[in-house]
Protein backbone atom coordinates (compact mmCIF):
# COMPACT_ATOMS: atom_id res chain seq x y z
CA MET A 1 59.80 418.89 160.34
CA THR A 2 56.84 416.61 159.79
CA HIS A 3 53.33 417.61 160.73
CA GLU A 4 50.42 415.30 161.24
CA TYR A 5 47.28 417.05 160.18
CA PRO A 6 43.93 415.82 161.46
CA LEU A 7 41.85 414.05 158.84
CA SER A 8 39.16 416.72 159.11
CA ASP A 9 41.71 419.43 158.19
CA VAL A 10 42.92 417.50 155.15
CA LEU A 11 39.39 416.78 153.98
CA GLY A 12 38.40 420.39 154.69
CA ARG A 13 41.13 421.64 152.38
CA MET A 14 40.06 419.17 149.71
CA TYR A 15 36.52 420.51 150.07
CA GLU A 16 37.78 424.09 149.69
CA ASN A 17 39.68 423.04 146.56
CA GLN A 18 36.49 421.49 145.19
CA LEU A 19 34.63 424.77 145.71
CA ALA A 20 37.43 426.72 144.04
CA LEU A 21 37.42 424.37 141.06
CA GLU A 22 33.65 424.65 140.84
CA ALA A 23 33.92 428.46 140.69
CA ALA A 24 36.65 428.30 138.05
CA LEU A 25 34.63 425.88 135.93
CA MET A 26 31.61 428.17 136.14
CA GLU A 27 33.71 431.10 134.89
CA LEU A 28 34.92 429.03 131.95
CA THR A 29 31.38 427.84 131.27
CA LEU A 30 30.10 431.40 131.10
CA ARG A 31 32.83 432.25 128.59
CA LEU A 32 32.04 429.17 126.52
CA GLU A 33 28.37 430.08 126.41
CA GLU A 34 29.17 433.69 125.47
CA GLN A 35 31.09 432.32 122.48
CA GLY A 36 28.13 430.20 121.40
CA SER A 37 29.10 426.81 122.85
CA VAL A 38 25.73 426.30 124.49
CA GLU A 39 25.83 422.50 124.35
CA ALA A 40 29.27 422.32 125.98
CA GLY A 41 28.10 424.83 128.58
CA GLY A 42 25.09 422.67 129.34
CA ASN A 43 27.28 419.62 129.80
CA VAL A 44 29.55 421.45 132.22
CA ARG A 45 26.56 422.82 134.11
CA GLY A 46 25.34 419.24 134.58
CA ALA A 47 28.67 418.29 136.11
CA LEU A 48 28.63 421.40 138.28
CA GLU A 49 25.19 420.46 139.56
CA THR A 50 26.57 417.12 140.74
CA ILE A 51 29.48 418.90 142.43
CA GLY A 52 27.04 421.23 144.18
CA GLU A 53 24.84 418.38 145.38
CA ASN A 54 27.83 416.49 146.74
CA ALA A 55 29.21 419.60 148.45
CA GLY A 56 26.37 419.57 150.96
CA HIS A 57 27.04 415.96 151.90
CA ILE A 58 30.76 416.62 152.21
CA LYS A 59 30.19 419.67 154.41
CA GLN A 60 27.92 417.70 156.75
CA GLY A 61 30.39 414.82 156.91
CA LEU A 62 33.24 417.20 157.76
CA ALA A 63 31.22 418.76 160.56
CA ARG A 64 30.45 415.32 161.99
CA LEU A 65 34.10 414.28 161.74
CA LYS A 66 35.27 417.46 163.48
CA ARG A 67 32.79 416.85 166.32
CA GLN A 68 34.13 413.29 166.72
CA GLU A 69 37.73 414.50 166.77
CA THR A 70 36.99 416.97 169.58
CA SER A 71 35.02 414.47 171.67
């Protein structure tokens, strides 16, 4: 049986995956830093900052898309 999922649902799940990956990376970063890999931890934190900044834009875009789909 094939299902057609609305674009907002697909993108919403991708957004949730992004948040989960962000959390997992932060856990690994904390472990790296505990073991003395401060430079590597800093690099990952820079990438995580970008992910966090983009998350807000994605969340707003998803909300707008969902409103359009229900209109």
